[in-house]
PDB file of N, CA and C in Angstrom:
ATOM      1  N   MET A   1     128.424  84.307  93.235  1.00  0.00           N
ATOM      2  CA  MET A   1     127.473  84.928  92.465  1.00  0.00           C
ATOM      3  C   MET A   1     126.569  85.801  93.461  1.00  0.00           C
ATOM      4  N   THR A   2     127.189  87.518  94.074  1.00  0.00           N
ATOM      5  CA  THR A   2     126.572  88.171  94.941  1.00  0.00           C
ATOM      6  C   THR A   2     125.397  88.951  94.309  1.00  0.00           C
ATOM      7  N   ALA A   3     124.810  88.935  95.581  1.00  0.00           N
ATOM      8  CA  ALA A   3     122.952  89.947  95.480  1.00  0.00           C
ATOM      9  C   ALA A   3     123.571  91.882  95.110  1.00  0.00           C
ATOM     10  N   GLU A   4     122.799  92.016  94.094  1.00  0.00           N
ATOM     11  CA  GLU A   4     122.968  93.600  93.974  1.00  0.00           C
ATOM     12  C   GLU A   4     122.083  93.919  94.867  1.00  0.00           C
ATOM     13  N   ARG A   5     122.845  94.955  95.841  1.00  0.00           N
ATOM     14  CA  ARG A   5     122.343  95.855  96.593  1.00  0.00           C
ATOM     15  C   ARG A   5     120.914  96.975  95.904  1.00  0.00           C
ATOM     16  N   ALA A   6     120.417  96.969  96.488  1.00  0.00           N
ATOM     17  CA  ALA A   6     119.258  98.060  96.181  1.00  0.00           C
ATOM     18  C   ALA A   6     119.735  99.472  96.045  1.00  0.00           C
ATOM     19  N   GLU A   7     119.466 100.849  95.258  1.00  0.00           N
ATOM     20  CA  GLU A   7     119.655 102.201  95.999  1.00  0.00           C
ATOM     21  C   GLU A   7     118.756 102.931  95.473  1.00  0.00           C
ATOM     22  N   GLY A   8     118.711 104.039  96.064  1.00  0.00           N
ATOM     23  CA  GLY A   8     117.380 104.842  95.335  1.00  0.00           C
ATOM     24  C   GLY A   8     115.868 104.446  95.871  1.00  0.00           C
ATOM     25  N   VAL A   9     115.041 104.831  94.979  1.00  0.00           N
ATOM     26  CA  VAL A   9     113.914 104.098  95.334  1.00  0.00           C
ATOM     27  C   VAL A   9     113.234 102.861  93.602  1.00  0.00           C
ATOM     28  N   VAL A  10     113.108 102.033  94.870  1.00  0.00           N
ATOM     29  CA  VAL A  10     112.776 100.870  94.297  1.00  0.00           C
ATOM     30  C   VAL A  10     111.289 100.819  93.885  1.00  0.00           C
ATOM     31  N   ARG A  11     110.606 100.342  92.768  1.00  0.00           N
ATOM     32  CA  ARG A  11     109.050 101.017  92.004  1.00  0.00           C
ATOM     33  C   ARG A  11     108.564  99.357  91.912  1.00  0.00           C
ATOM     34  N   ALA A  12     107.796  98.432  92.353  1.00  0.00           N
ATOM     35  CA  ALA A  12     107.064  97.622  91.922  1.00  0.00           C
ATOM     36  C   ALA A  12     106.447  97.492  91.314  1.00  0.00           C
ATOM     37  N   VAL A  13     106.512  96.849  90.319  1.00  0.00           N
ATOM     38  CA  VAL A  13     105.577  96.224  89.113  1.00  0.00           C
ATOM     39  C   VAL A  13     104.778  94.771  89.071  1.00  0.00           C
ATOM     40  N   VAL A  14     103.513  95.107  89.545  1.00  0.00           N
ATOM     41  CA  VAL A  14     103.010  93.667  90.521  1.00  0.00           C
ATOM     42  C   VAL A  14     101.333  93.787  88.382  1.00  0.00           C
ATOM     43  N   VAL A  15     101.665  92.959  87.974  1.00  0.00           N
ATOM     44  CA  VAL A  15     101.059  93.097  86.947  1.00  0.00           C
ATOM     45  C   VAL A  15     100.222  91.668  87.209  1.00  0.00           C
ATOM     46  N   HIS A  16      98.814  91.300  86.859  1.00  0.00           N
ATOM     47  CA  HIS A  16      97.893  89.942  87.038  1.00  0.00           C
ATOM     48  C   HIS A  16      96.752  90.340  86.311  1.00  0.00           C
ATOM     49  N   ASP A  17      96.694  88.953  85.772  1.00  0.00           N
ATOM     50  CA  ASP A  17      95.201  88.969  84.399  1.00  0.00           C
ATOM     51  C   ASP A  17      95.396  90.484  83.859  1.00  0.00           C
ATOM     52  N   GLY A  18      96.603  91.017  83.478  1.00  0.00           N
ATOM     53  CA  GLY A  18      96.528  92.009  82.214  1.00  0.00           C
ATOM     54  C   GLY A  18      96.453  93.594  83.242  1.00  0.00           C
ATOM     55  N   ARG A  19      96.578  93.536  84.465  1.00  0.00           N
ATOM     56  CA  ARG A  19      96.232  94.657  84.947  1.00  0.00           C
ATOM     57  C   ARG A  19      97.520  95.021  86.113  1.00  0.00           C
ATOM     58  N   LEU A  20      97.746  96.474  86.411  1.00  0.00           N
ATOM     59  CA  LEU A  20      98.654  96.679  87.132  1.00  0.00           C
ATOM     60  C   LEU A  20      98.194  97.107  88.538  1.00  0.00           C
ATOM     61  N   LEU A  21      98.860  97.178  89.448  1.00  0.00           N
ATOM     62  CA  LEU A  21      98.712  96.912  90.519  1.00  0.00           C
ATOM     63  C   LEU A  21      99.135  98.571  90.680  1.00  0.00           C
ATOM     64  N   LEU A  22      98.210  99.296  91.248  1.00  0.00           N
ATOM     65  CA  LEU A  22      98.591 100.971  91.637  1.00  0.00           C
ATOM     66  C   LEU A  22      98.154 101.542  93.192  1.00  0.00           C
ATOM     67  N   VAL A  23      99.050 102.545  93.686  1.00  0.00           N
ATOM     68  CA  VAL A  23      98.889 102.351  95.102  1.00  0.00           C
ATOM     69  C   VAL A  23      98.228 104.130  95.227  1.00  0.00           C
ATOM     70  N   ALA A  24      97.462 104.412  95.758  1.00  0.00           N
ATOM     71  CA  ALA A  24      97.382 106.351  95.893  1.00  0.00           C
ATOM     72  C   ALA A  24      98.541 107.028  96.375  1.00  0.00           C
ATOM     73  N   GLU A  25      98.701 107.683  95.900  1.00  0.00           N
ATOM     74  CA  GLU A  25      99.977 108.992  95.984  1.00  0.00           C
ATOM     75  C   GLU A  25      99.257 110.134  96.138  1.00  0.00           C
ATOM     76  N   ARG A  26      99.864 111.373  96.814  1.00  0.00           N
ATOM     77  CA  ARG A  26      99.662 112.765  96.536  1.00  0.00           C
ATOM     78  C   ARG A  26      99.271 113.241  95.208  1.00  0.00           C
ATOM     79  N   GLY A  27      97.987 113.614  95.527  1.00  0.00           N
ATOM     80  CA  GLY A  27      97.602 113.851  93.740  1.00  0.00           C
ATOM     81  C   GLY A  27      97.123 113.055  92.357  1.00  0.00           C
ATOM     82  N   GLY A  28      97.260 111.651  93.082  1.00  0.00           N
ATOM     83  CA  GLY A  28      97.108 110.576  92.093  1.00  0.00           C
ATOM     84  C   GLY A  28      97.067 109.367  92.038  1.00  0.00           C
ATOM     85  N   TRP A  29      97.829 108.648  91.244  1.00  0.00           N
ATOM     86  CA  TRP A  29      98.876 106.935  91.456  1.00  0.00           C
ATOM     87  C   TRP A  29      99.391 106.585  90.658  1.00  0.00           C
ATOM     88  N   GLY A  30     100.007 105.867  91.321  1.00  0.00           N
ATOM     89  CA  GLY A  30     101.304 105.640  91.457  1.00  0.00           C
ATOM     90  C   GLY A  30     101.922 104.036  91.462  1.00  0.00           C
ATOM     91  N   LEU A  31     103.319 103.775  91.563  1.00  0.00           N
ATOM     92  CA  LEU A  31     103.472 101.969  91.963  1.00  0.00           C
ATOM     93  C   LEU A  31     103.444 102.054  93.232  1.00  0.00           C
ATOM     94  N   PRO A  32     103.702 100.843  93.895  1.00  0.00           N
ATOM     95  CA  PRO A  32     103.676 100.510  95.180  1.00  0.00           C
ATOM     96  C   PRO A  32     105.497 101.184  95.264  1.00  0.00           C
ATOM     97  N   SER A  33     106.006 102.279  96.063  1.00  0.00           N
ATOM     98  CA  SER A  33     107.077 102.281  96.137  1.00  0.00           C
ATOM     99  C   SER A  33     107.847 102.384  96.757  1.00  0.00           C
ATOM    100  N   GLY A  34     109.746 102.106  97.668  1.00  0.00           N
ATOM    101  CA  GLY A  34     109.738 102.289  98.499  1.00  0.00           C
ATOM    102  C   GLY A  34     111.444 102.237  98.592  1.00  0.00           C
ATOM    103  N   THR A  35     112.189 103.026  99.541  1.00  0.00           N
ATOM    104  CA  THR A  35     113.384 102.928 100.340  1.00  0.00           C
ATOM    105  C   THR A  35     114.030 101.331 100.310  1.00  0.00           C
ATOM    106  N   PRO A  36     115.206 100.873 100.003  1.00  0.00           N
ATOM    107  CA  PRO A  36     115.837  99.571 100.908  1.00  0.00           C
ATOM    108  C   PRO A  36     116.423 100.200 102.211  1.00  0.00           C
ATOM    109  N   GLN A  37     116.234  98.749 102.783  1.00  0.00           N
ATOM    110  CA  GLN A  37     116.855  98.902 104.306  1.00  0.00           C
ATOM    111  C   GLN A  37     118.592  98.181 103.613  1.00  0.00           C
ATOM    112  N   PRO A  38     119.373  98.299 104.819  1.00  0.00           N
ATOM    113  CA  PRO A  38     120.656  98.194 104.365  1.00  0.00           C
ATOM    114  C   PRO A  38     120.757  96.536 103.848  1.00  0.00           C
ATOM    115  N   ALA A  39     121.550  96.559 102.533  1.00  0.00           N
ATOM    116  CA  ALA A  39     122.071  94.956 102.132  1.00  0.00           C
ATOM    117  C   ALA A  39     120.803  94.409 101.790  1.00  0.00           C
ATOM    118  N   GLU A  40     119.186  95.117 101.580  1.00  0.00           N
ATOM    119  CA  GLU A  40     118.220  94.442 100.944  1.00  0.00           C
ATOM    120  C   GLU A  40     118.512  94.482  99.442  1.00  0.00           C
ATOM    121  N   THR A  41     118.179  93.612  98.245  1.00  0.00           N
ATOM    122  CA  THR A  41     118.402  93.645  96.873  1.00  0.00           C
ATOM    123  C   THR A  41     117.265  94.361  96.254  1.00  0.00           C
ATOM    124  N   PRO A  42     117.358  94.852  95.378  1.00  0.00           N
ATOM    125  CA  PRO A  42     115.975  95.181  94.627  1.00  0.00           C
ATOM    126  C   PRO A  42     114.635  94.695  94.338  1.00  0.00           C
ATOM    127  N   GLN A  43     114.653  93.232  94.417  1.00  0.00           N
ATOM    128  CA  GLN A  43     113.735  92.245  94.358  1.00  0.00           C
ATOM    129  C   GLN A  43     113.092  92.457  95.712  1.00  0.00           C
ATOM    130  N   ALA A  44     114.179  92.167  96.953  1.00  0.00           N
ATOM    131  CA  ALA A  44     113.750  91.935  98.207  1.00  0.00           C
ATOM    132  C   ALA A  44     112.910  93.272  99.039  1.00  0.00           C
ATOM    133  N   THR A  45     113.137  94.786  98.396  1.00  0.00           N
ATOM    134  CA  THR A  45     112.745  95.201  98.476  1.00  0.00           C
ATOM    135  C   THR A  45     111.225  95.963  97.608  1.00  0.00           C
ATOM    136  N   ALA A  46     111.027  95.383  96.734  1.00  0.00           N
ATOM    137  CA  ALA A  46     109.715  95.541  96.068  1.00  0.00           C
ATOM    138  C   ALA A  46     108.441  94.308  96.667  1.00  0.00           C
ATOM    139  N   ALA A  47     109.239  93.166  97.388  1.00  0.00           N
ATOM    140  CA  ALA A  47     108.662  92.282  97.775  1.00  0.00           C
ATOM    141  C   ALA A  47     107.730  92.538  98.911  1.00  0.00           C
ATOM    142  N   ARG A  48     108.803  93.235  99.594  1.00  0.00           N
ATOM    143  CA  ARG A  48     108.427  93.958 100.623  1.00  0.00           C
ATOM    144  C   ARG A  48     107.307  95.458 101.147  1.00  0.00           C
ATOM    145  N   VAL A  49     107.849  96.333 100.181  1.00  0.00           N
ATOM    146  CA  VAL A  49     107.570  97.103 100.098  1.00  0.00           C
ATOM    147  C   VAL A  49     105.476  97.358  99.937  1.00  0.00           C
ATOM    148  N   VAL A  50     105.783  96.184  99.130  1.00  0.00           N
ATOM    149  CA  VAL A  50     104.244  95.600  98.234  1.00  0.00           C
ATOM    150  C   VAL A  50     103.674  95.543  99.525  1.00  0.00           C
ATOM    151  N   TYR A  51     103.884  94.191 100.417  1.00  0.00           N
ATOM    152  CA  TYR A  51     103.493  93.579 101.218  1.00  0.00           C
ATOM    153  C   TYR A  51     102.451  94.691 102.521  1.00  0.00           C
ATOM    154  N   GLU A  52     104.118  95.554 102.468  1.00  0.00           N
ATOM    155  CA  GLU A  52     103.646  96.612 103.797  1.00  0.00           C
ATOM    156  C   GLU A  52     103.089  97.980 103.281  1.00  0.00           C
ATOM    157  N   LEU A  53     102.641  98.280 102.015  1.00  0.00           N
ATOM    158  CA  LEU A  53     101.311  98.552 101.810  1.00  0.00           C
ATOM    159  C   LEU A  53     100.155  98.356 101.460  1.00  0.00           C
ATOM    160  N   THR A  54     100.151  96.938 100.958  1.00  0.00           N
ATOM    161  CA  THR A  54      98.787  96.697 100.409  1.00  0.00           C
ATOM    162  C   THR A  54      98.676  95.170 100.983  1.00  0.00           C
ATOM    163  N   GLY A  55      99.036  94.625 101.532  1.00  0.00           N
ATOM    164  CA  GLY A  55      98.904  92.809 102.237  1.00  0.00           C
ATOM    165  C   GLY A  55      98.973  92.192 100.769  1.00  0.00           C
ATOM    166  N   TYR A  56      99.126  92.563  99.611  1.00  0.00           N
ATOM    167  CA  TYR A  56      99.236  91.074  99.072  1.00  0.00           C
ATOM    168  C   TYR A  56     101.050  90.758  99.341  1.00  0.00           C
ATOM    169  N   LEU A  57     101.054  89.317  99.137  1.00  0.00           N
ATOM    170  CA  LEU A  57     102.556  88.632  98.851  1.00  0.00           C
ATOM    171  C   LEU A  57     102.633  88.417  97.506  1.00  0.00           C
ATOM    172  N   VAL A  58     103.894  89.125  97.225  1.00  0.00           N
ATOM    173  CA  VAL A  58     104.486  88.993  95.556  1.00  0.00           C
ATOM    174  C   VAL A  58     106.152  88.518  95.781  1.00  0.00           C
ATOM    175  N   ASP A  59     106.474  88.179  94.585  1.00  0.00           N
ATOM    176  CA  ASP A  59     107.762  87.656  94.775  1.00  0.00           C
ATOM    177  C   ASP A  59     108.200  88.338  93.621  1.00  0.00           C
ATOM    178  N   GLY A  60     109.206  89.396  93.808  1.00  0.00           N
ATOM    179  CA  GLY A  60     110.283  90.365  93.051  1.00  0.00           C
ATOM    180  C   GLY A  60     110.811  89.439  92.317  1.00  0.00           C
ATOM    181  N   THR A  61     110.754  88.740  90.953  1.00  0.00           N
ATOM    182  CA  THR A  61     111.520  88.132  89.958  1.00  0.00           C
ATOM    183  C   THR A  61     112.593  89.158  89.429  1.00  0.00           C
ATOM    184  N   GLU A  62     112.462  90.160  88.889  1.00  0.00           N
ATOM    185  CA  GLU A  62     113.914  90.685  88.026  1.00  0.00           C
ATOM    186  C   GLU A  62     113.535  92.068  87.650  1.00  0.00           C
ATOM    187  N   ALA A  63     114.474  92.776  88.022  1.00  0.00           N
ATOM    188  CA  ALA A  63     114.662  94.363  88.002  1.00  0.00           C
ATOM    189  C   ALA A  63     114.549  94.432  85.969  1.00  0.00           C
ATOM    190  N   LEU A  64     113.711  95.778  85.690  1.00  0.00           N
ATOM    191  CA  LEU A  64     113.389  95.892  84.508  1.00  0.00           C
ATOM    192  C   LEU A  64     115.005  96.777  84.420  1.00  0.00           C
ATOM    193  N   GLU A  65     115.009  96.880  82.981  1.00  0.00           N
ATOM    194  CA  GLU A  65     116.362  97.443  82.693  1.00  0.00           C
ATOM    195  C   GLU A  65     115.964  98.722  81.393  1.00  0.00           C
ATOM    196  N   PRO A  66     116.891  99.867  81.598  1.00  0.00           N
ATOM    197  CA  PRO A  66     118.134 100.080  82.196  1.00  0.00           C
ATOM    198  C   PRO A  66     117.068 100.501  83.716  1.00  0.00           C
ATOM    199  N   GLY A  67     118.124 100.924  84.842  1.00  0.00           N
ATOM    200  CA  GLY A  67     117.262 101.598  86.128  1.00  0.00           C
ATOM    201  C   GLY A  67     116.679 103.108  85.754  1.00  0.00           C
ATOM    202  N   ASP A  68     116.064 103.465  86.642  1.00  0.00           N
ATOM    203  CA  ASP A  68     115.254 105.036  86.518  1.00  0.00           C
ATOM    204  C   ASP A  68     115.877 105.941  85.781  1.00  0.00           C
ATOM    205  N   ALA A  69     115.716 107.227  85.943  1.00  0.00           N
ATOM    206  CA  ALA A  69     116.607 108.237  85.423  1.00  0.00           C
ATOM    207  C   ALA A  69     116.945 108.789  86.752  1.00  0.00           C
ATOM    208  N   ASP A  70     115.894 108.513  88.237  1.00  0.00           N
ATOM    209  CA  ASP A  70     116.129 108.736  89.398  1.00  0.00           C
ATOM    210  C   ASP A  70     117.081 107.821  89.875  1.00  0.00           C
ATOM    211  N   GLY A  71     118.218 107.275  89.273  1.00  0.00           N
ATOM    212  CA  GLY A  71     118.877 106.880  90.299  1.00  0.00           C
ATOM    213  C   GLY A  71     118.063 104.634  90.802  1.00  0.00           C
ATOM    214  N   GLY A  72     116.723 105.123  90.585  1.00  0.00           N
ATOM    215  CA  GLY A  72     116.087 103.755  91.407  1.00  0.00           C
ATOM    216  C   GLY A  72     115.671 102.788  90.306  1.00  0.00           C
ATOM    217  N   THR A  73     114.885 101.698  90.717  1.00  0.00           N
ATOM    218  CA  THR A  73     114.931 100.605  90.275  1.00  0.00           C
ATOM    219  C   THR A  73     113.883  99.903  90.286  1.00  0.00           C
ATOM    220  N   ALA A  74     112.968  99.637  88.887  1.00  0.00           N
ATOM    221  CA  ALA A  74     111.365  99.021  88.534  1.00  0.00           C
ATOM    222  C   ALA A  74     111.741  97.579  88.694  1.00  0.00           C
ATOM    223  N   VAL A  75     110.937  96.697  89.727  1.00  0.00           N
ATOM    224  CA  VAL A  75     111.079  95.245  89.362  1.00  0.00           C
ATOM    225  C   VAL A  75     110.286  94.782  89.203  1.00  0.00           C
ATOM    226  N   LEU A  76     110.180  93.571  88.459  1.00  0.00           N
ATOM    227  CA  LEU A  76     108.754  92.916  88.228  1.00  0.00           C
ATOM    228  C   LEU A  76     108.546  91.843  88.907  1.00  0.00           C
ATOM    229  N   CYS A  77     106.877  92.112  89.746  1.00  0.00           N
ATOM    230  CA  CYS A  77     106.656  91.044  90.678  1.00  0.00           C
ATOM    231  C   CYS A  77     105.521  90.241  90.271  1.00  0.00           C
ATOM    232  N   ARG A  78     105.717  88.596  90.841  1.00  0.00           N
ATOM    233  CA  ARG A  78     104.852  88.394  90.518  1.00  0.00           C
ATOM    234  C   ARG A  78     103.612  87.749  91.999  1.00  0.00           C
ATOM    235  N   LEU A  79     102.926  88.475  91.424  1.00  0.00           N
ATOM    236  CA  LEU A  79     101.245  88.158  92.650  1.00  0.00           C
ATOM    237  C   LEU A  79     101.241  86.487  93.081  1.00  0.00           C
ATOM    238  N   LEU A  80     101.553  86.317  94.700  1.00  0.00           N
ATOM    239  CA  LEU A  80     101.369  84.857  95.112  1.00  0.00           C
ATOM    240  C   LEU A  80     100.240  84.871  95.631  1.00  0.00           C
ATOM    241  N   THR A  81      99.729  85.901  96.334  1.00  0.00           N
ATOM    242  CA  THR A  81      98.232  85.539  96.824  1.00  0.00           C
ATOM    243  C   THR A  81      97.395  86.752  95.710  1.00  0.00           C
ATOM    244  N   GLU A  82      95.872  86.254  95.861  1.00  0.00           N
ATOM    245  CA  GLU A  82      94.642  86.843  95.097  1.00  0.00           C
ATOM    246  C   GLU A  82      94.168  88.179  95.719  1.00  0.00           C
ATOM    247  N   SER A  83      94.304  87.869  97.386  1.00  0.00           N
ATOM    248  CA  SER A  83      93.357  88.525  97.930  1.00  0.00           C
ATOM    249  C   SER A  83      94.677  89.661  99.201  1.00  0.00           C
ATOM    250  N   PRO A  84      94.947  90.256  99.213  1.00  0.00           N
ATOM    251  CA  PRO A  84      95.859  91.211 100.631  1.00  0.00           C
ATOM    252  C   PRO A  84      95.330  90.591 101.787  1.00  0.00           C
ATOM    253  N   SER A  85      96.257  90.375 102.719  1.00  0.00           N
ATOM    254  CA  SER A  85      96.074  90.237 104.111  1.00  0.00           C
ATOM    255  C   SER A  85      95.467  91.894 105.066  1.00  0.00           C
ATOM    256  N   ASP A  86      95.364  91.532 106.045  1.00  0.00           N
ATOM    257  CA  ASP A  86      95.480  92.963 106.699  1.00  0.00           C
ATOM    258  C   ASP A  86      96.365  93.441 107.530  1.00  0.00           C
ATOM    259  N   GLY A  87      97.677  93.207 106.363  1.00  0.00           N
ATOM    260  CA  GLY A  87      98.629  93.835 107.128  1.00  0.00           C
ATOM    261  C   GLY A  87      99.088  94.828 106.417  1.00  0.00           C
ATOM    262  N   GLY A  88      98.228  94.997 105.672  1.00  0.00           N
ATOM    263  CA  GLY A  88      98.952  96.283 103.956  1.00  0.00           C
ATOM    264  C   GLY A  88      98.903  97.552 105.138  1.00  0.00           C
ATOM    265  N   ARG A  89      99.509  98.912 104.564  1.00  0.00           N
ATOM    266  CA  ARG A  89      98.758 100.257 105.620  1.00  0.00           C
ATOM    267  C   ARG A  89      98.208 100.565 104.849  1.00  0.00           C
ATOM    268  N   LEU A  90      97.756 101.091 103.556  1.00  0.00           N
ATOM    269  CA  LEU A  90      96.563 101.497 102.858  1.00  0.00           C
ATOM    270  C   LEU A  90      95.123 100.351 102.810  1.00  0.00           C
ATOM    271  N   THR A  91      94.364 101.308 102.866  1.00  0.00           N
ATOM    272  CA  THR A  91      92.897 100.563 102.519  1.00  0.00           C
ATOM    273  C   THR A  91      92.158 100.130 101.036  1.00  0.00           C
ATOM    274  N   PRO A  92      91.075  99.468 101.078  1.00  0.00           N
ATOM    275  CA  PRO A  92      91.173  98.833 100.041  1.00  0.00           C
ATOM    276  C   PRO A  92      91.001 100.652  98.407  1.00  0.00           C
ATOM    277  N   ASP A  93      90.467 101.346  99.209  1.00  0.00           N
ATOM    278  CA  ASP A  93      90.094 102.116  98.390  1.00  0.00           C
ATOM    279  C   ASP A  93      91.103 103.407  97.911  1.00  0.00           C
ATOM    280  N   HIS A  94      92.345 103.186  98.583  1.00  0.00           N
ATOM    281  CA  HIS A  94      93.762 103.365  98.235  1.00  0.00           C
ATOM    282  C   HIS A  94      94.571 102.414  97.370  1.00  0.00           C
ATOM    283  N   LEU A  95      93.823 101.284  96.640  1.00  0.00           N
ATOM    284  CA  LEU A  95      94.749 100.022  96.185  1.00  0.00           C
ATOM    285  C   LEU A  95      93.852 100.045  94.745  1.00  0.00           C
ATOM    286  N   ARG A  96      94.203  99.680  93.608  1.00  0.00           N
ATOM    287  CA  ARG A  96      93.591 100.187  92.095  1.00  0.00           C
ATOM    288  C   ARG A  96      94.254  99.109  91.118  1.00  0.00           C
ATOM    289  N   TRP A  97      93.734  97.981  90.474  1.00  0.00           N
ATOM    290  CA  TRP A  97      93.853  97.177  89.525  1.00  0.00           C
ATOM    291  C   TRP A  97      93.431  98.251  87.824  1.00  0.00           C
ATOM    292  N   SER A  98      94.545  98.400  86.870  1.00  0.00           N
ATOM    293  CA  SER A  98      94.193  99.106  86.437  1.00  0.00           C
ATOM    294  C   SER A  98      94.623  98.706  84.456  1.00  0.00           C
ATOM    295  N   SER A  99      94.255  98.478  83.839  1.00  0.00           N
ATOM    296  CA  SER A  99      94.541  98.088  82.527  1.00  0.00           C
ATOM    297  C   SER A  99      96.026  99.360  81.905  1.00  0.00           C
ATOM    298  N   ALA A 100      97.034  98.509  81.084  1.00  0.00           N
ATOM    299  CA  ALA A 100      97.664  99.642  80.375  1.00  0.00           C
ATOM    300  C   ALA A 100      97.312 100.738  80.290  1.00  0.00           C
ATOM    301  N   GLU A 101      95.860 100.405  79.562  1.00  0.00           N
ATOM    302  CA  GLU A 101      95.107 101.787  78.720  1.00  0.00           C
ATOM    303  C   GLU A 101      94.764 102.883  79.859  1.00  0.00           C
ATOM    304  N   GLU A 102      94.527 102.737  81.056  1.00  0.00           N
ATOM    305  CA  GLU A 102      94.297 103.431  82.056  1.00  0.00           C
ATOM    306  C   GLU A 102      95.354 103.957  83.081  1.00  0.00           C
ATOM    307  N   THR A 103      96.559 103.383  82.562  1.00  0.00           N
ATOM    308  CA  THR A 103      97.496 104.158  82.898  1.00  0.00           C
ATOM    309  C   THR A 103      98.282 105.421  82.242  1.00  0.00           C
ATOM    310  N   THR A 104      97.300 105.928  81.233  1.00  0.00           N
ATOM    311  CA  THR A 104      98.181 106.638  80.367  1.00  0.00           C
ATOM    312  C   THR A 104      98.497 107.899  80.650  1.00  0.00           C
ATOM    313  N   ASP A 105      98.262 108.478  81.532  1.00  0.00           N
ATOM    314  CA  ASP A 105      98.159 109.759  82.530  1.00  0.00           C
ATOM    315  C   ASP A 105      98.860 109.799  84.067  1.00  0.00           C
ATOM    316  N   ILE A 106      99.683 108.539  83.999  1.00  0.00           N
ATOM    317  CA  ILE A 106     100.226 108.272  85.132  1.00  0.00           C
ATOM    318  C   ILE A 106     101.649 108.177  84.472  1.00  0.00           C
ATOM    319  N   PRO A 107     102.419 109.313  85.332  1.00  0.00           N
ATOM    320  CA  PRO A 107     104.117 108.931  85.607  1.00  0.00           C
ATOM    321  C   PRO A 107     104.527 107.880  85.771  1.00  0.00           C
ATOM    322  N   LEU A 108     104.640 106.829  84.413  1.00  0.00           N
ATOM    323  CA  LEU A 108     105.212 105.887  85.128  1.00  0.00           C
ATOM    324  C   LEU A 108     107.138 105.885  84.018  1.00  0.00           C
ATOM    325  N   PRO A 109     107.838 104.821  85.294  1.00  0.00           N
ATOM    326  CA  PRO A 109     108.918 105.468  84.727  1.00  0.00           C
ATOM    327  C   PRO A 109     109.262 104.804  82.861  1.00  0.00           C
ATOM    328  N   PRO A 110     110.130 105.236  82.129  1.00  0.00           N
ATOM    329  CA  PRO A 110     110.288 104.820  80.654  1.00  0.00           C
ATOM    330  C   PRO A 110     110.277 102.825  80.318  1.00  0.00           C
ATOM    331  N   PRO A 111     110.778 102.219  81.499  1.00  0.00           N
ATOM    332  CA  PRO A 111     111.410 101.300  81.440  1.00  0.00           C
ATOM    333  C   PRO A 111     109.726 100.400  81.756  1.00  0.00           C
ATOM    334  N   VAL A 112     109.141 101.074  82.561  1.00  0.00           N
ATOM    335  CA  VAL A 112     108.140 100.403  83.087  1.00  0.00           C
ATOM    336  C   VAL A 112     106.986 100.403  82.051  1.00  0.00           C
ATOM    337  N   ARG A 113     106.651 101.108  81.257  1.00  0.00           N
ATOM    338  CA  ARG A 113     105.645 101.943  80.353  1.00  0.00           C
ATOM    339  C   ARG A 113     105.972 101.108  79.026  1.00  0.00           C
ATOM    340  N   HIS A 114     107.333 100.603  78.544  1.00  0.00           N
ATOM    341  CA  HIS A 114     107.763  99.697  77.620  1.00  0.00           C
ATOM    342  C   HIS A 114     107.757  98.241  78.132  1.00  0.00           C
ATOM    343  N   TYR A 115     107.744  98.099  79.526  1.00  0.00           N
ATOM    344  CA  TYR A 115     107.516  96.753  80.027  1.00  0.00           C
ATOM    345  C   TYR A 115     105.667  96.692  79.239  1.00  0.00           C
ATOM    346  N   LEU A 116     104.936  97.187  79.729  1.00  0.00           N
ATOM    347  CA  LEU A 116     103.297  97.391  79.797  1.00  0.00           C
ATOM    348  C   LEU A 116     102.884  96.877  78.602  1.00  0.00           C
ATOM    349  N   GLN A 117     103.420  98.219  77.169  1.00  0.00           N
ATOM    350  CA  GLN A 117     103.484  98.233  76.228  1.00  0.00           C
ATOM    351  C   GLN A 117     103.442  96.378  75.314  1.00  0.00           C
ATOM    352  N   GLY A 118     104.614  95.825  75.660  1.00  0.00           N
ATOM    353  CA  GLY A 118     104.435  94.808  75.150  1.00  0.00           C
ATOM    354  C   GLY A 118     104.125  93.302  76.168  1.00  0.00           C
ATOM    355  N   HIS A 119     103.826  93.506  77.165  1.00  0.00           N
ATOM    356  CA  HIS A 119     102.978  92.349  78.158  1.00  0.00           C
ATOM    357  C   HIS A 119     101.734  92.743  78.902  1.00  0.00           C
ATOM    358  N   THR A 120     101.246  93.347  78.422  1.00  0.00           N
ATOM    359  CA  THR A 120      99.415  94.112  78.726  1.00  0.00           C
ATOM    360  C   THR A 120      98.599  93.170  77.780  1.00  0.00           C
ATOM    361  N   PRO A 121      97.833  92.311  77.582  1.00  0.00           N
ATOM    362  CA  PRO A 121      96.684  92.415  76.842  1.00  0.00           C
ATOM    363  C   PRO A 121      95.534  93.521  76.935  1.00  0.00           C
ATOM    364  N   PRO A 122      95.269  94.266  75.504  1.00  0.00           N
ATOM    365  CA  PRO A 122      93.945  94.724  75.447  1.00  0.00           C
ATOM    366  C   PRO A 122      93.044  94.610  76.342  1.00  0.00           C
ATOM    367  N   ILE A 123      92.486  95.153  76.832  1.00  0.00           N
ATOM    368  CA  ILE A 123      90.892  94.605  77.990  1.00  0.00           C
ATOM    369  C   ILE A 123      89.769  95.341  77.087  1.00  0.00           C
TER     370      ILE A 123
END
């Protein structure tokens, strides 16, 4: 079995206690996202990007299917630490945990929106 190399933008989908981790972007909020390094799997890219941006340790578990229309991938991530380390580039005011209902105005890829509809309890 060979690992699938990541291509395009990788978006990390970190859901914990029914809330989705979002990061500040130009003009709003979005998923922690980044581009893969050479020979990096989507799961490894997602875990690295989340740590680099937020300081949270996560385990990229599986890619959501199908891939994004822009050729990117959304990866489900399991939170491994409940508090971020000091290593993240973003400050706490640039991070947000939101319920699915609070993400209706955020442009999320269809596979992410579909996942949230079935896997986050109403608050």
